PDB file of N, CA and C in Angstrom:
ATOM      1  N   MET A   1      -4.536 -13.591  -5.603  1.00  0.00           N
ATOM      2  CA  MET A   1      -4.512 -13.572  -4.162  1.00  0.00           C
ATOM      3  C   MET A   1      -3.817 -11.536  -4.227  1.00  0.00           C
ATOM      4  N   ALA A   2      -2.641 -11.737  -5.357  1.00  0.00           N
ATOM      5  CA  ALA A   2      -2.365  -9.632  -5.231  1.00  0.00           C
ATOM      6  C   ALA A   2      -3.867  -8.951  -5.679  1.00  0.00           C
ATOM      7  N   GLU A   3      -4.324  -9.835  -6.028  1.00  0.00           N
ATOM      8  CA  GLU A   3      -5.627  -8.463  -6.356  1.00  0.00           C
ATOM      9  C   GLU A   3      -6.044  -8.140  -5.303  1.00  0.00           C
ATOM     10  N   GLU A   4      -6.302  -9.166  -4.309  1.00  0.00           N
ATOM     11  CA  GLU A   4      -7.437  -8.836  -3.775  1.00  0.00           C
ATOM     12  C   GLU A   4      -6.469  -8.072  -1.853  1.00  0.00           C
ATOM     13  N   VAL A   5      -5.136  -7.694  -2.106  1.00  0.00           N
ATOM     14  CA  VAL A   5      -4.407  -7.043  -1.305  1.00  0.00           C
ATOM     15  C   VAL A   5      -4.626  -6.113  -1.512  1.00  0.00           C
ATOM     16  N   VAL A   6      -4.271  -5.220  -2.672  1.00  0.00           N
ATOM     17  CA  VAL A   6      -4.884  -4.361  -3.803  1.00  0.00           C
ATOM     18  C   VAL A   6      -6.173  -3.941  -3.274  1.00  0.00           C
ATOM     19  N   ALA A   7      -7.286  -4.247  -3.805  1.00  0.00           N
ATOM     20  CA  ALA A   7      -8.913  -5.011  -3.790  1.00  0.00           C
ATOM     21  C   ALA A   7      -8.205  -3.691  -1.604  1.00  0.00           C
ATOM     22  N   GLU A   8      -8.245  -4.822  -0.438  1.00  0.00           N
ATOM     23  CA  GLU A   8      -8.417  -3.571   0.541  1.00  0.00           C
ATOM     24  C   GLU A   8      -7.979  -3.566   1.023  1.00  0.00           C
ATOM     25  N   ARG A   9      -6.998  -2.836   0.264  1.00  0.00           N
ATOM     26  CA  ARG A   9      -5.962  -1.435   0.620  1.00  0.00           C
ATOM     27  C   ARG A   9      -7.248  -0.372   0.542  1.00  0.00           C
ATOM     28  N   HIS A  10      -7.929   0.042  -0.324  1.00  0.00           N
ATOM     29  CA  HIS A  10      -8.909   0.356  -0.985  1.00  0.00           C
ATOM     30  C   HIS A  10     -10.013   0.526  -0.006  1.00  0.00           C
ATOM     31  N   ILE A  11     -10.056  -0.818   0.880  1.00  0.00           N
ATOM     32  CA  ILE A  11     -11.542  -0.494   1.538  1.00  0.00           C
ATOM     33  C   ILE A  11     -11.698   0.674   2.487  1.00  0.00           C
ATOM     34  N   PRO A  12     -13.031   1.358   1.951  1.00  0.00           N
ATOM     35  CA  PRO A  12     -12.886   2.147   3.571  1.00  0.00           C
ATOM     36  C   PRO A  12     -13.279   2.714   4.787  1.00  0.00           C
ATOM     37  N   LYS A  13     -12.303   2.330   5.240  1.00  0.00           N
ATOM     38  CA  LYS A  13     -12.533   1.787   7.147  1.00  0.00           C
ATOM     39  C   LYS A  13     -12.213   2.870   8.090  1.00  0.00           C
ATOM     40  N   TYR A  14     -11.630   3.617   8.008  1.00  0.00           N
ATOM     41  CA  TYR A  14     -10.304   5.006   9.430  1.00  0.00           C
ATOM     42  C   TYR A  14     -11.787   6.093   9.143  1.00  0.00           C
ATOM     43  N   THR A  15     -11.871   6.642  10.354  1.00  0.00           N
ATOM     44  CA  THR A  15     -12.642   7.744  10.864  1.00  0.00           C
ATOM     45  C   THR A  15     -11.375   8.918  10.877  1.00  0.00           C
ATOM     46  N   MET A  16     -11.679  10.107  10.428  1.00  0.00           N
ATOM     47  CA  MET A  16     -11.358  10.812  10.829  1.00  0.00           C
ATOM     48  C   MET A  16     -10.548  10.565  11.776  1.00  0.00           C
ATOM     49  N   GLY A  17     -11.356  10.440  12.673  1.00  0.00           N
ATOM     50  CA  GLY A  17     -10.230  11.108  14.574  1.00  0.00           C
ATOM     51  C   GLY A  17      -9.071   9.768  14.294  1.00  0.00           C
ATOM     52  N   VAL A  18      -9.129   8.763  13.822  1.00  0.00           N
ATOM     53  CA  VAL A  18      -8.353   6.912  13.904  1.00  0.00           C
ATOM     54  C   VAL A  18      -6.917   7.866  12.497  1.00  0.00           C
ATOM     55  N   ALA A  19      -7.591   8.355  10.844  1.00  0.00           N
ATOM     56  CA  ALA A  19      -6.288   8.633  10.161  1.00  0.00           C
ATOM     57  C   ALA A  19      -6.069   9.960  11.017  1.00  0.00           C
ATOM     58  N   VAL A  20      -6.454  10.783  11.349  1.00  0.00           N
ATOM     59  CA  VAL A  20      -6.002  11.686  12.420  1.00  0.00           C
ATOM     60  C   VAL A  20      -4.268  11.263  13.190  1.00  0.00           C
ATOM     61  N   ARG A  21      -5.064  10.155  13.857  1.00  0.00           N
ATOM     62  CA  ARG A  21      -3.873   9.144  14.563  1.00  0.00           C
ATOM     63  C   ARG A  21      -3.088   8.387  14.106  1.00  0.00           C
ATOM     64  N   LEU A  22      -3.041   7.602  13.379  1.00  0.00           N
ATOM     65  CA  LEU A  22      -2.280   7.163  12.497  1.00  0.00           C
ATOM     66  C   LEU A  22      -1.464   8.068  11.972  1.00  0.00           C
ATOM     67  N   THR A  23      -1.257   8.953  10.975  1.00  0.00           N
ATOM     68  CA  THR A  23      -0.747  10.061  10.254  1.00  0.00           C
ATOM     69  C   THR A  23      -0.174  10.765  11.484  1.00  0.00           C
ATOM     70  N   ARG A  24      -0.896  11.182  12.525  1.00  0.00           N
ATOM     71  CA  ARG A  24      -0.539  13.126  13.374  1.00  0.00           C
ATOM     72  C   ARG A  24      -0.215  13.859  11.676  1.00  0.00           C
ATOM     73  N   VAL A  25      -1.245  13.842  11.380  1.00  0.00           N
ATOM     74  CA  VAL A  25      -1.901  15.304  10.186  1.00  0.00           C
ATOM     75  C   VAL A  25      -2.941  15.718  11.328  1.00  0.00           C
ATOM     76  N   PRO A  26      -3.192  16.907  11.263  1.00  0.00           N
ATOM     77  CA  PRO A  26      -4.412  17.466  12.141  1.00  0.00           C
ATOM     78  C   PRO A  26      -5.722  17.445  10.905  1.00  0.00           C
ATOM     79  N   ASN A  27      -7.246  17.030  11.680  1.00  0.00           N
ATOM     80  CA  ASN A  27      -7.930  17.126  10.717  1.00  0.00           C
ATOM     81  C   ASN A  27      -8.258  18.663   9.928  1.00  0.00           C
ATOM     82  N   HIS A  28      -7.743  19.513  10.138  1.00  0.00           N
ATOM     83  CA  HIS A  28      -8.080  20.945   9.374  1.00  0.00           C
ATOM     84  C   HIS A  28      -7.454  20.655   8.337  1.00  0.00           C
ATOM     85  N   ARG A  29      -6.542  19.746   8.485  1.00  0.00           N
ATOM     86  CA  ARG A  29      -5.099  19.824   7.051  1.00  0.00           C
ATOM     87  C   ARG A  29      -5.772  18.693   6.535  1.00  0.00           C
ATOM     88  N   LEU A  30      -6.670  17.708   7.285  1.00  0.00           N
ATOM     89  CA  LEU A  30      -7.058  16.720   5.575  1.00  0.00           C
ATOM     90  C   LEU A  30      -7.779  17.162   5.042  1.00  0.00           C
ATOM     91  N   ARG A  31      -8.759  18.227   5.377  1.00  0.00           N
ATOM     92  CA  ARG A  31     -10.274  18.931   4.999  1.00  0.00           C
ATOM     93  C   ARG A  31      -9.413  19.976   4.208  1.00  0.00           C
ATOM     94  N   ARG A  32      -8.127  20.752   4.294  1.00  0.00           N
ATOM     95  CA  ARG A  32      -8.006  21.202   2.772  1.00  0.00           C
ATOM     96  C   ARG A  32      -7.004  20.395   2.219  1.00  0.00           C
ATOM     97  N   TYR A  33      -6.298  18.745   2.086  1.00  0.00           N
ATOM     98  CA  TYR A  33      -6.172  17.962   0.625  1.00  0.00           C
ATOM     99  C   TYR A  33      -7.303  17.276   0.540  1.00  0.00           C
ATOM    100  N   GLU A  34      -8.388  16.993   1.142  1.00  0.00           N
ATOM    101  CA  GLU A  34      -9.641  17.181   0.205  1.00  0.00           C
ATOM    102  C   GLU A  34      -9.947  18.167  -0.633  1.00  0.00           C
ATOM    103  N   GLU A  35      -9.723  19.269  -0.356  1.00  0.00           N
ATOM    104  CA  GLU A  35     -10.622  21.044  -0.899  1.00  0.00           C
ATOM    105  C   GLU A  35     -10.056  20.549  -1.666  1.00  0.00           C
ATOM    106  N   ALA A  36      -8.061  20.242  -1.957  1.00  0.00           N
ATOM    107  CA  ALA A  36      -8.006  20.769  -3.451  1.00  0.00           C
ATOM    108  C   ALA A  36      -7.610  19.690  -3.953  1.00  0.00           C
ATOM    109  N   GLY A  37      -8.096  19.001  -3.772  1.00  0.00           N
ATOM    110  CA  GLY A  37      -8.583  17.161  -4.758  1.00  0.00           C
ATOM    111  C   GLY A  37      -7.236  15.875  -4.353  1.00  0.00           C
ATOM    112  N   LEU A  38      -6.335  16.716  -3.695  1.00  0.00           N
ATOM    113  CA  LEU A  38      -5.481  15.639  -3.376  1.00  0.00           C
ATOM    114  C   LEU A  38      -5.943  14.410  -2.865  1.00  0.00           C
ATOM    115  N   LEU A  39      -6.945  14.028  -2.058  1.00  0.00           N
ATOM    116  CA  LEU A  39      -7.535  13.200  -1.525  1.00  0.00           C
ATOM    117  C   LEU A  39      -8.688  13.065  -1.983  1.00  0.00           C
ATOM    118  N   LYS A  40      -9.179  11.918  -1.352  1.00  0.00           N
ATOM    119  CA  LYS A  40     -11.400  12.148  -1.710  1.00  0.00           C
ATOM    120  C   LYS A  40     -11.556  10.939  -1.250  1.00  0.00           C
ATOM    121  N   PRO A  41     -11.991  11.137   0.203  1.00  0.00           N
ATOM    122  CA  PRO A  41     -11.726   9.574   1.285  1.00  0.00           C
ATOM    123  C   PRO A  41     -13.819   9.489   0.717  1.00  0.00           C
ATOM    124  N   ALA A  42     -13.846   8.205   0.957  1.00  0.00           N
ATOM    125  CA  ALA A  42     -15.542   7.722   1.285  1.00  0.00           C
ATOM    126  C   ALA A  42     -15.991   8.515   1.999  1.00  0.00           C
ATOM    127  N   ARG A  43     -17.368   8.310   1.528  1.00  0.00           N
ATOM    128  CA  ARG A  43     -18.703   9.426   2.769  1.00  0.00           C
ATOM    129  C   ARG A  43     -19.201   8.194   3.546  1.00  0.00           C
ATOM    130  N   THR A  44     -19.683   7.738   4.489  1.00  0.00           N
ATOM    131  CA  THR A  44     -21.044   7.052   5.093  1.00  0.00           C
ATOM    132  C   THR A  44     -22.043   7.974   4.411  1.00  0.00           C
ATOM    133  N   GLU A  45     -23.140   6.795   3.819  1.00  0.00           N
ATOM    134  CA  GLU A  45     -24.795   7.845   4.683  1.00  0.00           C
ATOM    135  C   GLU A  45     -24.677   9.079   5.045  1.00  0.00           C
ATOM    136  N   ALA A  46     -24.454   9.411   6.161  1.00  0.00           N
ATOM    137  CA  ALA A  46     -24.083  10.309   7.160  1.00  0.00           C
ATOM    138  C   ALA A  46     -23.454  11.489   7.253  1.00  0.00           C
ATOM    139  N   GLY A  47     -22.248  10.610   6.144  1.00  0.00           N
ATOM    140  CA  GLY A  47     -21.741  12.041   5.455  1.00  0.00           C
ATOM    141  C   GLY A  47     -19.699  11.739   6.560  1.00  0.00           C
ATOM    142  N   GLN A  48     -20.424  11.098   7.134  1.00  0.00           N
ATOM    143  CA  GLN A  48     -18.390  10.475   7.955  1.00  0.00           C
ATOM    144  C   GLN A  48     -17.361  10.465   6.527  1.00  0.00           C
ATOM    145  N   ARG A  49     -16.417  10.871   6.401  1.00  0.00           N
ATOM    146  CA  ARG A  49     -15.534  10.283   6.104  1.00  0.00           C
ATOM    147  C   ARG A  49     -15.020   8.785   6.782  1.00  0.00           C
ATOM    148  N   LEU A  50     -15.265   8.288   5.610  1.00  0.00           N
ATOM    149  CA  LEU A  50     -13.939   6.621   6.263  1.00  0.00           C
ATOM    150  C   LEU A  50     -12.655   6.161   5.029  1.00  0.00           C
ATOM    151  N   TYR A  51     -11.745   6.761   5.632  1.00  0.00           N
ATOM    152  CA  TYR A  51     -10.367   6.356   5.205  1.00  0.00           C
ATOM    153  C   TYR A  51      -9.658   4.835   4.987  1.00  0.00           C
ATOM    154  N   SER A  52      -9.412   4.869   3.718  1.00  0.00           N
ATOM    155  CA  SER A  52      -9.294   3.088   3.511  1.00  0.00           C
ATOM    156  C   SER A  52      -7.169   3.665   3.514  1.00  0.00           C
ATOM    157  N   ASP A  53      -6.550   2.420   4.049  1.00  0.00           N
ATOM    158  CA  ASP A  53      -5.437   2.292   4.043  1.00  0.00           C
ATOM    159  C   ASP A  53      -4.275   2.805   2.487  1.00  0.00           C
ATOM    160  N   ALA A  54      -5.165   2.859   1.321  1.00  0.00           N
ATOM    161  CA  ALA A  54      -4.181   4.210   0.271  1.00  0.00           C
ATOM    162  C   ALA A  54      -4.839   5.062   0.940  1.00  0.00           C
ATOM    163  N   ASP A  55      -5.357   5.278   1.702  1.00  0.00           N
ATOM    164  CA  ASP A  55      -5.927   6.527   1.647  1.00  0.00           C
ATOM    165  C   ASP A  55      -4.202   7.254   3.143  1.00  0.00           C
ATOM    166  N   ILE A  56      -4.213   6.890   3.650  1.00  0.00           N
ATOM    167  CA  ILE A  56      -3.760   7.298   4.470  1.00  0.00           C
ATOM    168  C   ILE A  56      -2.000   6.627   4.309  1.00  0.00           C
ATOM    169  N   GLU A  57      -1.332   6.232   3.212  1.00  0.00           N
ATOM    170  CA  GLU A  57      -0.089   6.745   2.694  1.00  0.00           C
ATOM    171  C   GLU A  57      -0.342   7.165   1.900  1.00  0.00           C
ATOM    172  N   LEU A  58      -1.240   8.087   1.289  1.00  0.00           N
ATOM    173  CA  LEU A  58      -1.305   8.929   0.534  1.00  0.00           C
ATOM    174  C   LEU A  58      -1.309  10.328   1.440  1.00  0.00           C
ATOM    175  N   ILE A  59      -1.611  10.305   2.179  1.00  0.00           N
ATOM    176  CA  ILE A  59      -1.356  11.621   3.297  1.00  0.00           C
ATOM    177  C   ILE A  59      -0.783  11.614   3.805  1.00  0.00           C
ATOM    178  N   ARG A  60       0.253  10.644   4.212  1.00  0.00           N
ATOM    179  CA  ARG A  60       1.753  10.391   4.823  1.00  0.00           C
ATOM    180  C   ARG A  60       2.969  10.538   3.839  1.00  0.00           C
ATOM    181  N   GLU A  61       2.107  10.782   2.037  1.00  0.00           N
ATOM    182  CA  GLU A  61       2.665  11.102   1.326  1.00  0.00           C
ATOM    183  C   GLU A  61       3.011  12.132   0.574  1.00  0.00           C
ATOM    184  N   ILE A  62       1.896  13.194   1.285  1.00  0.00           N
ATOM    185  CA  ILE A  62       1.541  15.205   1.286  1.00  0.00           C
ATOM    186  C   ILE A  62       2.023  15.483   2.170  1.00  0.00           C
ATOM    187  N   ALA A  63       1.658  14.918   3.548  1.00  0.00           N
ATOM    188  CA  ALA A  63       2.195  15.528   4.591  1.00  0.00           C
ATOM    189  C   ALA A  63       3.208  16.408   4.717  1.00  0.00           C
ATOM    190  N   PRO A  64       4.348  15.257   4.041  1.00  0.00           N
ATOM    191  CA  PRO A  64       5.956  15.901   3.913  1.00  0.00           C
ATOM    192  C   PRO A  64       6.200  17.182   3.274  1.00  0.00           C
ATOM    193  N   LEU A  65       5.474  16.659   1.889  1.00  0.00           N
ATOM    194  CA  LEU A  65       5.603  17.870   1.008  1.00  0.00           C
ATOM    195  C   LEU A  65       5.232  19.078   1.702  1.00  0.00           C
ATOM    196  N   GLU A  66       3.903  19.209   2.123  1.00  0.00           N
ATOM    197  CA  GLU A  66       3.454  20.364   2.699  1.00  0.00           C
ATOM    198  C   GLU A  66       4.705  21.196   3.803  1.00  0.00           C
ATOM    199  N   GLU A  67       5.073  20.780   4.349  1.00  0.00           N
ATOM    200  CA  GLU A  67       5.621  20.404   5.743  1.00  0.00           C
ATOM    201  C   GLU A  67       6.935  21.272   4.928  1.00  0.00           C
ATOM    202  N   GLU A  68       7.665  20.662   3.926  1.00  0.00           N
ATOM    203  CA  GLU A  68       8.793  21.408   3.050  1.00  0.00           C
ATOM    204  C   GLU A  68       8.048  22.815   2.745  1.00  0.00           C
ATOM    205  N   GLY A  69       6.980  23.259   2.737  1.00  0.00           N
ATOM    206  CA  GLY A  69       6.557  24.424   1.926  1.00  0.00           C
ATOM    207  C   GLY A  69       6.350  24.555   0.686  1.00  0.00           C
ATOM    208  N   ILE A  70       5.668  23.635   0.446  1.00  0.00           N
ATOM    209  CA  ILE A  70       4.971  23.169  -1.104  1.00  0.00           C
ATOM    210  C   ILE A  70       3.501  23.141  -1.503  1.00  0.00           C
ATOM    211  N   ASN A  71       3.177  24.386  -1.935  1.00  0.00           N
ATOM    212  CA  ASN A  71       1.907  24.590  -1.838  1.00  0.00           C
ATOM    213  C   ASN A  71       0.820  23.357  -2.131  1.00  0.00           C
ATOM    214  N   LEU A  72       0.126  23.071  -2.302  1.00  0.00           N
ATOM    215  CA  LEU A  72      -0.979  21.702  -2.909  1.00  0.00           C
ATOM    216  C   LEU A  72      -0.863  21.888  -4.354  1.00  0.00           C
ATOM    217  N   GLU A  73      -0.861  22.956  -5.348  1.00  0.00           N
ATOM    218  CA  GLU A  73      -0.772  22.947  -5.933  1.00  0.00           C
ATOM    219  C   GLU A  73       0.806  22.350  -6.709  1.00  0.00           C
ATOM    220  N   GLY A  74       1.303  22.253  -6.235  1.00  0.00           N
ATOM    221  CA  GLY A  74       2.658  21.954  -6.426  1.00  0.00           C
ATOM    222  C   GLY A  74       2.516  20.735  -5.690  1.00  0.00           C
ATOM    223  N   ILE A  75       2.250  20.809  -4.710  1.00  0.00           N
ATOM    224  CA  ILE A  75       1.915  18.574  -4.475  1.00  0.00           C
ATOM    225  C   ILE A  75       1.055  18.172  -5.710  1.00  0.00           C
ATOM    226  N   LYS A  76       0.513  18.473  -5.812  1.00  0.00           N
ATOM    227  CA  LYS A  76      -0.422  17.579  -7.035  1.00  0.00           C
ATOM    228  C   LYS A  76       0.259  17.207  -8.429  1.00  0.00           C
ATOM    229  N   ALA A  77       1.207  17.836  -8.689  1.00  0.00           N
ATOM    230  CA  ALA A  77       2.243  18.219  -9.504  1.00  0.00           C
ATOM    231  C   ALA A  77       3.237  16.962  -9.265  1.00  0.00           C
ATOM    232  N   ILE A  78       3.871  17.349  -8.319  1.00  0.00           N
ATOM    233  CA  ILE A  78       4.920  15.941  -7.619  1.00  0.00           C
ATOM    234  C   ILE A  78       3.488  15.072  -7.847  1.00  0.00           C
ATOM    235  N   LEU A  79       3.312  14.694  -7.614  1.00  0.00           N
ATOM    236  CA  LEU A  79       2.278  13.370  -7.271  1.00  0.00           C
ATOM    237  C   LEU A  79       1.793  12.709  -7.752  1.00  0.00           C
ATOM    238  N   ALA A  80       1.539  13.328  -9.548  1.00  0.00           N
ATOM    239  CA  ALA A  80       1.583  13.357 -11.069  1.00  0.00           C
ATOM    240  C   ALA A  80       2.283  13.027 -11.376  1.00  0.00           C
ATOM    241  N   MET A  81       3.407  13.319 -11.218  1.00  0.00           N
ATOM    242  CA  MET A  81       4.770  12.794 -11.626  1.00  0.00           C
ATOM    243  C   MET A  81       5.343  11.447 -11.258  1.00  0.00           C
ATOM    244  N   ARG A  82       5.506  11.524 -10.338  1.00  0.00           N
ATOM    245  CA  ARG A  82       5.655  10.186  -9.283  1.00  0.00           C
ATOM    246  C   ARG A  82       4.893   9.152  -9.346  1.00  0.00           C
ATOM    247  N   ARG A  83       3.626   9.514 -10.320  1.00  0.00           N
ATOM    248  CA  ARG A  83       3.256   8.207 -10.832  1.00  0.00           C
ATOM    249  C   ARG A  83       2.918   8.550 -12.515  1.00  0.00           C
ATOM    250  N   GLY A  84       3.519   8.960 -13.056  1.00  0.00           N
ATOM    251  CA  GLY A  84       3.987   8.857 -14.246  1.00  0.00           C
ATOM    252  C   GLY A  84       2.444   9.776 -14.860  1.00  0.00           C
ATOM    253  N   GLU A  85       2.010  10.428 -14.905  1.00  0.00           N
ATOM    254  CA  GLU A  85       0.391  10.744 -14.855  1.00  0.00           C
ATOM    255  C   GLU A  85       1.027  12.343 -15.665  1.00  0.00           C
ATOM    256  N   ARG A  86      -0.226  13.304 -16.782  1.00  0.00           N
ATOM    257  CA  ARG A  86       0.359  14.281 -17.458  1.00  0.00           C
ATOM    258  C   ARG A  86      -0.485  15.214 -16.798  1.00  0.00           C
ATOM    259  N   ARG A  87      -0.192  16.125 -16.087  1.00  0.00           N
ATOM    260  CA  ARG A  87      -1.287  16.815 -16.750  1.00  0.00           C
ATOM    261  C   ARG A  87      -1.970  17.947 -17.749  1.00  0.00           C
TER     262      ARG A  87
END
């Protein structure tokens, strides 16, 4: 049961427009997060980005850090530390 919940969080289902409405983060910032390697949304065959619930949670974690003035490389380091990863 718990594995199903975890797997469900990673199902790509939200278009960029919906992700923008859910997170209140403008689409140009979502593209920057992707370009910086902070976020990797799924893509349809036509190339449309699709975000999962896990992606939405990550955006909500990244955006406040950026708003505090932390650059994207710094955000990468903070996220890695929060997850106990080595860089």
